[in-house]
C-alpha cells in the first residue's frame, strides 16, 4: 500500500530551504527599494495623527453638550460636582492631547 502524496511527510530540510528563500527574497526587496520608499514617514504616526483629528472632529460637539448637561445636573443637585470636574478634565485631556504629548516629549528631549 502506498501513501497518498498529500499525507506524505515533507523531505528533511524542505522547511529550512523555504524559510531561507523567503528571508532572501525579503532582503532582496529591501535592498532594491527606492530611497523615497525607505525613508517615507511612519504609517503609525500618520495613522495616529489622522485618528486624533477624527476624534477631535467628532467629539467637539459632544464635549460641549456633555459639559453643559453635567453642569446643569450638578447645579440642580442631580450629579456630584466631582463628576462635573471629571468631565472637564476628560475634555481637557482629549482636546489637549497633542500639546500634552509634545510637552512630555520636550521634557525628555525626544
PDB file of N, CA and C in Angstrom:
ATOM      1  N   UNK A   1       0.840  -1.164   0.000  1.00  0.00           N
ATOM      2  CA  UNK A   1       0.000   0.000   0.000  1.00  0.00           C
ATOM      3  C   UNK A   1       0.896   1.241   0.000  1.00  0.00           C
ATOM      4  N   UNK A   2       0.635   2.175  -0.905  1.00  0.00           N
ATOM      5  CA  UNK A   2       1.447   3.396  -0.994  1.00  0.00           C
ATOM      6  C   UNK A   2       0.720   4.544  -0.315  1.00  0.00           C
ATOM      7  N   UNK A   3       1.507   5.470   0.174  1.00  0.00           N
ATOM      8  CA  UNK A   3       0.928   6.626   0.862  1.00  0.00           C
ATOM      9  C   UNK A   3       0.484   7.665  -0.150  1.00  0.00           C
ATOM     10  N   UNK A   4      -0.567   8.328   0.157  1.00  0.00           N
ATOM     11  CA  UNK A   4      -1.087   9.406  -0.688  1.00  0.00           C
ATOM     12  C   UNK A   4      -0.106  10.582  -0.619  1.00  0.00           C
ATOM     13  N   UNK A   5       0.160  11.264  -1.750  1.00  0.00           N
ATOM     14  CA  UNK A   5       1.134  12.363  -1.709  1.00  0.00           C
ATOM     15  C   UNK A   5       0.728  13.487  -0.752  1.00  0.00           C
ATOM     16  N   UNK A   6      -0.541  13.629  -0.468  1.00  0.00           N
ATOM     17  CA  UNK A   6      -0.975  14.671   0.457  1.00  0.00           C
ATOM     18  C   UNK A   6      -0.552  14.334   1.877  1.00  0.00           C
ATOM     19  N   UNK A   7      -0.577  13.034   2.209  1.00  0.00           N
ATOM     20  CA  UNK A   7      -0.286  12.611   3.572  1.00  0.00           C
ATOM     21  C   UNK A   7       1.167  12.204   3.777  1.00  0.00           C
ATOM     22  N   UNK A   8       1.992  12.365   2.775  1.00  0.00           N
ATOM     23  CA  UNK A   8       3.405  12.008   2.934  1.00  0.00           C
ATOM     24  C   UNK A   8       4.129  13.129   3.674  1.00  0.00           C
ATOM     25  N   UNK A   9       5.038  12.788   4.564  1.00  0.00           N
ATOM     26  CA  UNK A   9       5.788  13.834   5.265  1.00  0.00           C
ATOM     27  C   UNK A   9       6.739  14.542   4.293  1.00  0.00           C
ATOM     28  N   UNK A  10       7.010  15.809   4.518  1.00  0.00           N
ATOM     29  CA  UNK A  10       7.929  16.524   3.634  1.00  0.00           C
ATOM     30  C   UNK A  10       9.335  15.972   3.789  1.00  0.00           C
ATOM     31  N   UNK A  11      10.135  16.107   2.758  1.00  0.00           N
ATOM     32  CA  UNK A  11      11.515  15.620   2.871  1.00  0.00           C
ATOM     33  C   UNK A  11      12.277  16.432   3.903  1.00  0.00           C
ATOM     34  N   UNK A  12      13.292  15.824   4.518  1.00  0.00           N
ATOM     35  CA  UNK A  12      14.056  16.540   5.543  1.00  0.00           C
ATOM     36  C   UNK A  12      14.730  17.777   4.949  1.00  0.00           C
ATOM     37  N   UNK A  13      14.628  18.877   5.664  1.00  0.00           N
ATOM     38  CA  UNK A  13      15.264  20.117   5.223  1.00  0.00           C
ATOM     39  C   UNK A  13      14.422  20.953   4.288  1.00  0.00           C
ATOM     40  N   UNK A  14      13.237  20.513   3.903  1.00  0.00           N
ATOM     41  CA  UNK A  14      12.412  21.268   2.955  1.00  0.00           C
ATOM     42  C   UNK A  14      11.929  22.569   3.583  1.00  0.00           C
ATOM     43  N   UNK A  15      11.561  22.545   4.850  1.00  0.00           N
ATOM     44  CA  UNK A  15      11.078  23.753   5.519  1.00  0.00           C
ATOM     45  C   UNK A  15      12.179  24.783   5.702  1.00  0.00           C
ATOM     46  N   UNK A  16      13.389  24.322   5.964  1.00  0.00           N
ATOM     47  CA  UNK A  16      14.514  25.237   6.170  1.00  0.00           C
ATOM     48  C   UNK A  16      14.859  25.949   4.869  1.00  0.00           C
ATOM     49  N   UNK A  17      14.844  25.215   3.754  1.00  0.00           N
ATOM     50  CA  UNK A  17      15.144  25.836   2.461  1.00  0.00           C
ATOM     51  C   UNK A  17      14.096  26.875   2.104  1.00  0.00           C
ATOM     52  N   UNK A  18      12.844  26.582   2.345  1.00  0.00           N
ATOM     53  CA  UNK A  18      11.780  27.537   2.039  1.00  0.00           C
ATOM     54  C   UNK A  18      11.899  28.772   2.919  1.00  0.00           C
ATOM     55  N   UNK A  19      12.259  28.581   4.162  1.00  0.00           N
ATOM     56  CA  UNK A  19      12.430  29.707   5.072  1.00  0.00           C
ATOM     57  C   UNK A  19      13.587  30.594   4.628  1.00  0.00           C
ATOM     58  N   UNK A  20      14.712  29.973   4.234  1.00  0.00           N
ATOM     59  CA  UNK A  20      15.860  30.758   3.767  1.00  0.00           C
ATOM     60  C   UNK A  20      15.518  31.488   2.476  1.00  0.00           C
ATOM     61  N   UNK A  21      14.755  30.853   1.606  1.00  0.00           N
ATOM     62  CA  UNK A  21      14.362  31.502   0.359  1.00  0.00           C
ATOM     63  C   UNK A  21      13.471  32.705   0.639  1.00  0.00           C
ATOM     64  N   UNK A  22      12.585  32.592   1.616  1.00  0.00           N
ATOM     65  CA  UNK A  22      11.724  33.712   1.988  1.00  0.00           C
ATOM     66  C   UNK A  22      12.516  34.877   2.543  1.00  0.00           C
ATOM     67  N   UNK A  23      13.458  34.594   3.435  1.00  0.00           N
ATOM     68  CA  UNK A  23      14.298  35.659   4.001  1.00  0.00           C
ATOM     69  C   UNK A  23      15.167  36.298   2.927  1.00  0.00           C
ATOM     70  N   UNK A  24      15.656  35.498   2.013  1.00  0.00           N
ATOM     71  CA  UNK A  24      16.472  36.032   0.927  1.00  0.00           C
ATOM     72  C   UNK A  24      15.653  36.960   0.037  1.00  0.00           C
ATOM     73  N   UNK A  25      14.414  36.584  -0.240  1.00  0.00           N
ATOM     74  CA  UNK A  25      13.538  37.434  -1.043  1.00  0.00           C
ATOM     75  C   UNK A  25      13.238  38.757  -0.334  1.00  0.00           C
ATOM     76  N   UNK A  26      12.982  38.708   0.964  1.00  0.00           N
ATOM     77  CA  UNK A  26      12.718  39.941   1.727  1.00  0.00           C
ATOM     78  C   UNK A  26      13.953  40.836   1.723  1.00  0.00           C
ATOM     79  N   UNK A  27      15.134  40.263   1.931  1.00  0.00           N
ATOM     80  CA  UNK A  27      16.365  41.057   1.922  1.00  0.00           C
ATOM     81  C   UNK A  27      16.604  41.674   0.551  1.00  0.00           C
ATOM     82  N   UNK A  28      16.310  40.946  -0.502  1.00  0.00           N
ATOM     83  CA  UNK A  28      16.482  41.466  -1.852  1.00  0.00           C
ATOM     84  C   UNK A  28      15.527  42.624  -2.118  1.00  0.00           C
ATOM     85  N   UNK A  29      14.281  42.499  -1.682  1.00  0.00           N
ATOM     86  CA  UNK A  29      13.313  43.582  -1.863  1.00  0.00           C
ATOM     87  C   UNK A  29      13.707  44.832  -1.088  1.00  0.00           C
ATOM     88  N   UNK A  30      14.210  44.668   0.122  1.00  0.00           N
ATOM     89  CA  UNK A  30      14.633  45.816   0.924  1.00  0.00           C
ATOM     90  C   UNK A  30      15.846  46.486   0.292  1.00  0.00           C
ATOM     91  N   UNK A  31      16.788  45.689  -0.210  1.00  0.00           N
ATOM     92  CA  UNK A  31      17.992  46.252  -0.794  1.00  0.00           C
ATOM     93  C   UNK A  31      17.714  47.011  -2.084  1.00  0.00           C
ATOM     94  N   UNK A  32      16.707  46.603  -2.825  1.00  0.00           N
ATOM     95  CA  UNK A  32      16.428  47.261  -4.097  1.00  0.00           C
ATOM     96  C   UNK A  32      15.309  48.294  -3.999  1.00  0.00           C
ATOM     97  N   UNK A  33      14.812  48.561  -2.791  1.00  0.00           N
ATOM     98  CA  UNK A  33      13.739  49.546  -2.623  1.00  0.00           C
ATOM     99  C   UNK A  33      14.285  50.947  -2.888  1.00  0.00           C
ATOM    100  N   UNK A  34      13.497  51.802  -3.527  1.00  0.00           N
ATOM    101  CA  UNK A  34      13.942  53.175  -3.751  1.00  0.00           C
ATOM    102  C   UNK A  34      14.100  53.922  -2.428  1.00  0.00           C
ATOM    103  N   UNK A  35      14.920  54.939  -2.429  1.00  0.00           N
ATOM    104  CA  UNK A  35      15.193  55.697  -1.207  1.00  0.00           C
ATOM    105  C   UNK A  35      13.941  56.394  -0.692  1.00  0.00           C
ATOM    106  N   UNK A  36      13.041  56.831  -1.594  1.00  0.00           N
ATOM    107  CA  UNK A  36      11.830  57.513  -1.155  1.00  0.00           C
ATOM    108  C   UNK A  36      10.941  56.580  -0.336  1.00  0.00           C
ATOM    109  N   UNK A  37      10.900  55.335  -0.741  1.00  0.00           N
ATOM    110  CA  UNK A  37      10.089  54.369  -0.015  1.00  0.00           C
ATOM    111  C   UNK A  37      10.749  54.024   1.317  1.00  0.00           C
ATOM    112  N   UNK A  38      12.053  53.906   1.312  1.00  0.00           N
ATOM    113  CA  UNK A  38      12.763  53.516   2.522  1.00  0.00           C
ATOM    114  C   UNK A  38      12.683  54.602   3.596  1.00  0.00           C
ATOM    115  N   UNK A  39      12.671  55.868   3.207  1.00  0.00           N
ATOM    116  CA  UNK A  39      12.666  56.960   4.179  1.00  0.00           C
ATOM    117  C   UNK A  39      11.299  57.625   4.290  1.00  0.00           C
ATOM    118  N   UNK A  40      10.247  56.954   3.878  1.00  0.00           N
ATOM    119  CA  UNK A  40       8.899  57.521   3.970  1.00  0.00           C
ATOM    120  C   UNK A  40       8.499  57.663   5.436  1.00  0.00           C
ATOM    121  N   UNK A  41       7.488  58.474   5.694  1.00  0.00           N
ATOM    122  CA  UNK A  41       7.020  58.690   7.059  1.00  0.00           C
ATOM    123  C   UNK A  41       6.437  57.418   7.652  1.00  0.00           C
ATOM    124  N   UNK A  42       6.416  57.385   8.949  1.00  0.00           N
ATOM    125  CA  UNK A  42       5.903  56.224   9.655  1.00  0.00           C
ATOM    126  C   UNK A  42       4.397  56.107   9.466  1.00  0.00           C
ATOM    127  N   UNK A  43       3.896  54.943   9.051  1.00  0.00           N
ATOM    128  CA  UNK A  43       2.449  54.802   8.903  1.00  0.00           C
ATOM    129  C   UNK A  43       1.732  54.869  10.244  1.00  0.00           C
ATOM    130  N   UNK A  44       2.430  54.510  11.330  1.00  0.00           N
ATOM    131  CA  UNK A  44       1.805  54.568  12.644  1.00  0.00           C
ATOM    132  C   UNK A  44       1.595  56.006  13.086  1.00  0.00           C
ATOM    133  N   UNK A  45       2.586  56.875  12.839  1.00  0.00           N
ATOM    134  CA  UNK A  45       2.443  58.285  13.202  1.00  0.00           C
ATOM    135  C   UNK A  45       1.362  58.936  12.356  1.00  0.00           C
ATOM    136  N   UNK A  46       1.331  58.628  11.068  1.00  0.00           N
ATOM    137  CA  UNK A  46       0.311  59.194  10.192  1.00  0.00           C
ATOM    138  C   UNK A  46      -1.077  58.731  10.617  1.00  0.00           C
ATOM    139  N   UNK A  47      -1.207  57.455  10.902  1.00  0.00           N
ATOM    140  CA  UNK A  47      -2.495  56.920  11.338  1.00  0.00           C
ATOM    141  C   UNK A  47      -2.919  57.473  12.684  1.00  0.00           C
ATOM    142  N   UNK A  48      -1.971  57.644  13.603  1.00  0.00           N
ATOM    143  CA  UNK A  48      -2.302  58.192  14.919  1.00  0.00           C
ATOM    144  C   UNK A  48      -2.762  59.640  14.795  1.00  0.00           C
ATOM    145  N   UNK A  49      -2.092  60.417  13.956  1.00  0.00           N
ATOM    146  CA  UNK A  49      -2.496  61.812  13.771  1.00  0.00           C
ATOM    147  C   UNK A  49      -3.872  61.897  13.128  1.00  0.00           C
ATOM    148  N   UNK A  50      -4.124  61.060  12.139  1.00  0.00           N
ATOM    149  CA  UNK A  50      -5.429  61.071  11.479  1.00  0.00           C
ATOM    150  C   UNK A  50      -6.529  60.651  12.449  1.00  0.00           C
ATOM    151  N   UNK A  51      -6.248  59.648  13.276  1.00  0.00           N
ATOM    152  CA  UNK A  51      -7.238  59.194  14.252  1.00  0.00           C
ATOM    153  C   UNK A  51      -7.528  60.289  15.269  1.00  0.00           C
ATOM    154  N   UNK A  52      -6.491  60.977  15.714  1.00  0.00           N
ATOM    155  CA  UNK A  52      -6.684  62.050  16.684  1.00  0.00           C
ATOM    156  C   UNK A  52      -7.504  63.182  16.080  1.00  0.00           C
ATOM    157  N   UNK A  53      -7.261  63.523  14.829  1.00  0.00           N
ATOM    158  CA  UNK A  53      -8.026  64.577  14.170  1.00  0.00           C
ATOM    159  C   UNK A  53      -9.490  64.165  13.995  1.00  0.00           C
ATOM    160  N   UNK A  54      -9.710  62.903  13.662  1.00  0.00           N
ATOM    161  CA  UNK A  54     -11.084  62.418  13.516  1.00  0.00           C
ATOM    162  C   UNK A  54     -11.826  62.466  14.861  1.00  0.00           C
ATOM    163  N   UNK A  55     -11.135  62.040  15.924  1.00  0.00           N
ATOM    164  CA  UNK A  55     -11.755  62.064  17.240  1.00  0.00           C
ATOM    165  C   UNK A  55     -12.111  63.480  17.678  1.00  0.00           C
ATOM    166  N   UNK A  56     -11.214  64.428  17.431  1.00  0.00           N
ATOM    167  CA  UNK A  56     -11.486  65.816  17.805  1.00  0.00           C
ATOM    168  C   UNK A  56     -12.680  66.348  17.025  1.00  0.00           C
ATOM    169  N   UNK A  57     -12.759  66.020  15.736  1.00  0.00           N
ATOM    170  CA  UNK A  57     -13.874  66.500  14.926  1.00  0.00           C
ATOM    171  C   UNK A  57     -15.205  65.921  15.402  1.00  0.00           C
ATOM    172  N   UNK A  58     -15.188  64.657  15.826  1.00  0.00           N
ATOM    173  CA  UNK A  58     -16.419  64.013  16.275  1.00  0.00           C
ATOM    174  C   UNK A  58     -16.787  64.450  17.691  1.00  0.00           C
ATOM    175  N   UNK A  59     -15.793  64.581  18.558  1.00  0.00           N
ATOM    176  CA  UNK A  59     -16.071  64.830  19.967  1.00  0.00           C
ATOM    177  C   UNK A  59     -16.295  66.298  20.316  1.00  0.00           C
ATOM    178  N   UNK A  60     -16.013  67.234  19.414  1.00  0.00           N
ATOM    179  CA  UNK A  60     -16.186  68.647  19.744  1.00  0.00           C
ATOM    180  C   UNK A  60     -17.629  68.976  20.117  1.00  0.00           C
ATOM    181  N   UNK A  61     -18.615  68.641  19.295  1.00  0.00           N
ATOM    182  CA  UNK A  61     -19.987  68.953  19.725  1.00  0.00           C
ATOM    183  C   UNK A  61     -20.444  68.116  20.916  1.00  0.00           C
ATOM    184  N   UNK A  62     -19.981  66.869  20.984  1.00  0.00           N
ATOM    185  CA  UNK A  62     -20.378  66.027  22.110  1.00  0.00           C
ATOM    186  C   UNK A  62     -19.809  66.539  23.426  1.00  0.00           C
ATOM    187  N   UNK A  63     -18.592  67.062  23.399  1.00  0.00           N
ATOM    188  CA  UNK A  63     -17.978  67.586  24.614  1.00  0.00           C
ATOM    189  C   UNK A  63     -18.719  68.827  25.095  1.00  0.00           C
ATOM    190  N   UNK A  64     -19.104  69.682  24.171  1.00  0.00           N
ATOM    191  CA  UNK A  64     -19.846  70.877  24.567  1.00  0.00           C
ATOM    192  C   UNK A  64     -21.171  70.504  25.225  1.00  0.00           C
ATOM    193  N   UNK A  65     -21.868  69.561  24.648  1.00  0.00           N
ATOM    194  CA  UNK A  65     -23.146  69.121  25.221  1.00  0.00           C
ATOM    195  C   UNK A  65     -22.918  68.438  26.565  1.00  0.00           C
ATOM    196  N   UNK A  66     -21.880  67.627  26.675  1.00  0.00           N
ATOM    197  CA  UNK A  66     -21.603  66.919  27.927  1.00  0.00           C
ATOM    198  C   UNK A  66     -21.290  67.894  29.052  1.00  0.00           C
ATOM    199  N   UNK A  67     -20.513  68.936  28.757  1.00  0.00           N
ATOM    200  CA  UNK A  67     -20.187  69.920  29.784  1.00  0.00           C
ATOM    201  C   UNK A  67     -21.447  70.685  30.199  1.00  0.00           C
ATOM    202  N   UNK A  68     -22.267  71.061  29.229  1.00  0.00           N
ATOM    203  CA  UNK A  68     -23.494  71.799  29.569  1.00  0.00           C
ATOM    204  C   UNK A  68     -24.456  70.945  30.394  1.00  0.00           C
ATOM    205  N   UNK A  69     -24.669  69.705  29.969  1.00  0.00           N
ATOM    206  CA  UNK A  69     -25.617  68.832  30.674  1.00  0.00           C
ATOM    207  C   UNK A  69     -25.104  68.487  32.069  1.00  0.00           C
ATOM    208  N   UNK A  70     -23.827  68.127  32.184  1.00  0.00           N
ATOM    209  CA  UNK A  70     -23.301  67.777  33.506  1.00  0.00           C
ATOM    210  C   UNK A  70     -23.257  69.000  34.418  1.00  0.00           C
ATOM    211  N   UNK A  71     -22.996  70.180  33.869  1.00  0.00           N
ATOM    212  CA  UNK A  71     -23.034  71.393  34.681  1.00  0.00           C
ATOM    213  C   UNK A  71     -24.432  71.680  35.202  1.00  0.00           C
ATOM    214  N   UNK A  72     -25.427  71.545  34.343  1.00  0.00           N
ATOM    215  CA  UNK A  72     -26.805  71.775  34.780  1.00  0.00           C
ATOM    216  C   UNK A  72     -27.239  70.729  35.802  1.00  0.00           C
ATOM    217  N   UNK A  73     -26.851  69.474  35.579  1.00  0.00           N
ATOM    218  CA  UNK A  73     -27.228  68.422  36.530  1.00  0.00           C
ATOM    219  C   UNK A  73     -26.551  68.639  37.881  1.00  0.00           C
ATOM    220  N   UNK A  74     -25.293  69.067  37.879  1.00  0.00           N
ATOM    221  CA  UNK A  74     -24.604  69.344  39.144  1.00  0.00           C
ATOM    222  C   UNK A  74     -25.221  70.555  39.833  1.00  0.00           C
ATOM    223  N   UNK A  75     -25.632  71.545  39.059  1.00  0.00           N
ATOM    224  CA  UNK A  75     -26.248  72.748  39.615  1.00  0.00           C
ATOM    225  C   UNK A  75     -27.556  72.418  40.333  1.00  0.00           C
ATOM    226  N   UNK A  76     -28.339  71.519  39.744  1.00  0.00           N
ATOM    227  CA  UNK A  76     -29.621  71.150  40.345  1.00  0.00           C
ATOM    228  C   UNK A  76     -29.497  69.991  41.338  1.00  0.00           C
ATOM    229  N   UNK A  77     -28.287  69.551  41.623  1.00  0.00           N
ATOM    230  CA  UNK A  77     -28.070  68.533  42.640  1.00  0.00           C
ATOM    231  C   UNK A  77     -28.334  67.117  42.179  1.00  0.00           C
ATOM    232  N   UNK A  78     -28.430  66.880  40.886  1.00  0.00           N
ATOM    233  CA  UNK A  78     -28.675  65.537  40.370  1.00  0.00           C
ATOM    234  C   UNK A  78     -27.380  64.778  40.076  1.00  0.00           C
ATOM    235  N   UNK A  79     -26.267  65.486  40.146  1.00  0.00           N
ATOM    236  CA  UNK A  79     -24.968  64.892  39.818  1.00  0.00           C
ATOM    237  C   UNK A  79     -23.941  65.479  40.774  1.00  0.00           C
ATOM    238  N   UNK A  80     -23.032  64.655  41.224  1.00  0.00           N
ATOM    239  CA  UNK A  80     -21.976  65.141  42.099  1.00  0.00           C
ATOM    240  C   UNK A  80     -21.075  66.109  41.335  1.00  0.00           C
ATOM    241  N   UNK A  81     -20.591  67.096  42.051  1.00  0.00           N
ATOM    242  CA  UNK A  81     -19.702  68.064  41.408  1.00  0.00           C
ATOM    243  C   UNK A  81     -18.394  67.394  40.956  1.00  0.00           C
ATOM    244  N   UNK A  82     -18.031  66.297  41.580  1.00  0.00           N
ATOM    245  CA  UNK A  82     -16.818  65.580  41.175  1.00  0.00           C
ATOM    246  C   UNK A  82     -16.979  65.009  39.770  1.00  0.00           C
ATOM    247  N   UNK A  83     -18.195  64.605  39.412  1.00  0.00           N
ATOM    248  CA  UNK A  83     -18.431  64.138  38.045  1.00  0.00           C
ATOM    249  C   UNK A  83     -18.270  65.293  37.062  1.00  0.00           C
ATOM    250  N   UNK A  84     -18.717  66.460  37.449  1.00  0.00           N
ATOM    251  CA  UNK A  84     -18.550  67.637  36.592  1.00  0.00           C
ATOM    252  C   UNK A  84     -17.059  67.936  36.391  1.00  0.00           C
ATOM    253  N   UNK A  85     -16.301  67.854  37.476  1.00  0.00           N
ATOM    254  CA  UNK A  85     -14.850  68.071  37.384  1.00  0.00           C
ATOM    255  C   UNK A  85     -14.227  67.005  36.487  1.00  0.00           C
ATOM    256  N   UNK A  86     -14.672  65.758  36.602  1.00  0.00           N
ATOM    257  CA  UNK A  86     -14.127  64.681  35.766  1.00  0.00           C
ATOM    258  C   UNK A  86     -14.445  64.909  34.297  1.00  0.00           C
ATOM    259  N   UNK A  87     -15.635  65.423  33.996  1.00  0.00           N
ATOM    260  CA  UNK A  87     -15.995  65.714  32.598  1.00  0.00           C
ATOM    261  C   UNK A  87     -15.092  66.805  32.041  1.00  0.00           C
ATOM    262  N   UNK A  88     -14.840  67.837  32.820  1.00  0.00           N
ATOM    263  CA  UNK A  88     -13.982  68.935  32.360  1.00  0.00           C
ATOM    264  C   UNK A  88     -12.545  68.452  32.172  1.00  0.00           C
ATOM    265  N   UNK A  89     -12.030  67.664  33.114  1.00  0.00           N
ATOM    266  CA  UNK A  89     -10.663  67.145  32.983  1.00  0.00           C
ATOM    267  C   UNK A  89     -10.557  66.211  31.783  1.00  0.00           C
ATOM    268  N   UNK A  90     -11.548  65.376  31.564  1.00  0.00           N
ATOM    269  CA  UNK A  90     -11.543  64.496  30.390  1.00  0.00           C
ATOM    270  C   UNK A  90     -11.555  65.286  29.094  1.00  0.00           C
ATOM    271  N   UNK A  91     -12.326  66.363  29.070  1.00  0.00           N
ATOM    272  CA  UNK A  91     -12.362  67.213  27.880  1.00  0.00           C
ATOM    273  C   UNK A  91     -11.005  67.853  27.630  1.00  0.00           C
ATOM    274  N   UNK A  92     -10.372  68.315  28.678  1.00  0.00           N
ATOM    275  CA  UNK A  92      -9.040  68.921  28.537  1.00  0.00           C
ATOM    276  C   UNK A  92      -8.038  67.897  28.024  1.00  0.00           C
ATOM    277  N   UNK A  93      -8.102  66.678  28.524  1.00  0.00           N
ATOM    278  CA  UNK A  93      -7.156  65.646  28.088  1.00  0.00           C
ATOM    279  C   UNK A  93      -7.386  65.247  26.630  1.00  0.00           C
ATOM    280  N   UNK A  94      -8.647  65.164  26.215  1.00  0.00           N
ATOM    281  CA  UNK A  94      -8.927  64.757  24.840  1.00  0.00           C
ATOM    282  C   UNK A  94      -8.485  65.832  23.854  1.00  0.00           C
ATOM    283  N   UNK A  95      -8.841  67.084  24.147  1.00  0.00           N
ATOM    284  CA  UNK A  95      -8.538  68.147  23.196  1.00  0.00           C
ATOM    285  C   UNK A  95      -7.124  68.703  23.347  1.00  0.00           C
ATOM    286  N   UNK A  96      -6.501  68.487  24.470  1.00  0.00           N
ATOM    287  CA  UNK A  96      -5.132  68.962  24.662  1.00  0.00           C
ATOM    288  C   UNK A  96      -4.103  67.867  24.489  1.00  0.00           C
ATOM    289  N   UNK A  97      -4.511  66.727  23.946  1.00  0.00           N
ATOM    290  CA  UNK A  97      -3.606  65.585  23.796  1.00  0.00           C
ATOM    291  C   UNK A  97      -2.318  65.888  23.047  1.00  0.00           C
ATOM    292  N   UNK A  98      -2.382  66.484  21.854  1.00  0.00           N
ATOM    293  CA  UNK A  98      -1.139  66.748  21.121  1.00  0.00           C
ATOM    294  C   UNK A  98      -0.194  67.695  21.867  1.00  0.00           C
ATOM    295  N   UNK A  99      -0.739  68.706  22.526  1.00  0.00           N
ATOM    296  CA  UNK A  99       0.110  69.632  23.269  1.00  0.00           C
ATOM    297  C   UNK A  99       0.731  68.951  24.482  1.00  0.00           C
ATOM    298  N   UNK A 100      -0.026  68.083  25.146  1.00  0.00           N
ATOM    299  CA  UNK A 100       0.499  67.373  26.309  1.00  0.00           C
ATOM    300  C   UNK A 100       1.610  66.420  25.889  1.00  0.00           C
ATOM    301  N   UNK A 101       1.403  65.718  24.777  1.00  0.00           N
ATOM    302  CA  UNK A 101       2.424  64.781  24.283  1.00  0.00           C
ATOM    303  C   UNK A 101       3.688  65.525  23.896  1.00  0.00           C
ATOM    304  N   UNK A 102       3.559  66.649  23.176  1.00  0.00           N
ATOM    305  CA  UNK A 102       4.752  67.401  22.784  1.00  0.00           C
ATOM    306  C   UNK A 102       5.459  67.977  24.011  1.00  0.00           C
ATOM    307  N   UNK A 103       4.714  68.375  25.032  1.00  0.00           N
ATOM    308  CA  UNK A 103       5.329  68.882  26.260  1.00  0.00           C
ATOM    309  C   UNK A 103       6.117  67.780  26.965  1.00  0.00           C
ATOM    310  N   UNK A 104       5.533  66.567  27.053  1.00  0.00           N
ATOM    311  CA  UNK A 104       6.230  65.457  27.710  1.00  0.00           C
ATOM    312  C   UNK A 104       7.455  65.041  26.911  1.00  0.00           C
ATOM    313  N   UNK A 105       7.320  65.017  25.576  1.00  0.00           N
ATOM    314  CA  UNK A 105       8.478  64.674  24.737  1.00  0.00           C
ATOM    315  C   UNK A 105       9.575  65.701  24.905  1.00  0.00           C
ATOM    316  N   UNK A 106       9.217  66.987  25.054  1.00  0.00           N
ATOM    317  CA  UNK A 106      10.216  68.026  25.279  1.00  0.00           C
ATOM    318  C   UNK A 106      10.918  67.861  26.603  1.00  0.00           C
ATOM    319  N   UNK A 107      10.201  67.366  27.626  1.00  0.00           N
ATOM    320  CA  UNK A 107      10.825  67.140  28.933  1.00  0.00           C
ATOM    321  C   UNK A 107      11.942  66.099  28.844  1.00  0.00           C
ATOM    322  N   UNK A 108      11.730  65.087  28.015  1.00  0.00           N
ATOM    323  CA  UNK A 108      12.706  64.003  27.912  1.00  0.00           C
ATOM    324  C   UNK A 108      13.661  64.165  26.747  1.00  0.00           C
ATOM    325  N   UNK A 109      13.529  65.255  26.012  1.00  0.00           N
ATOM    326  CA  UNK A 109      14.453  65.518  24.919  1.00  0.00           C
ATOM    327  C   UNK A 109      14.274  64.604  23.724  1.00  0.00           C
ATOM    328  N   UNK A 110      13.056  64.193  23.471  1.00  0.00           N
ATOM    329  CA  UNK A 110      12.803  63.292  22.339  1.00  0.00           C
ATOM    330  C   UNK A 110      12.336  64.099  21.152  1.00  0.00           C
TER     331      UNK A 110
END
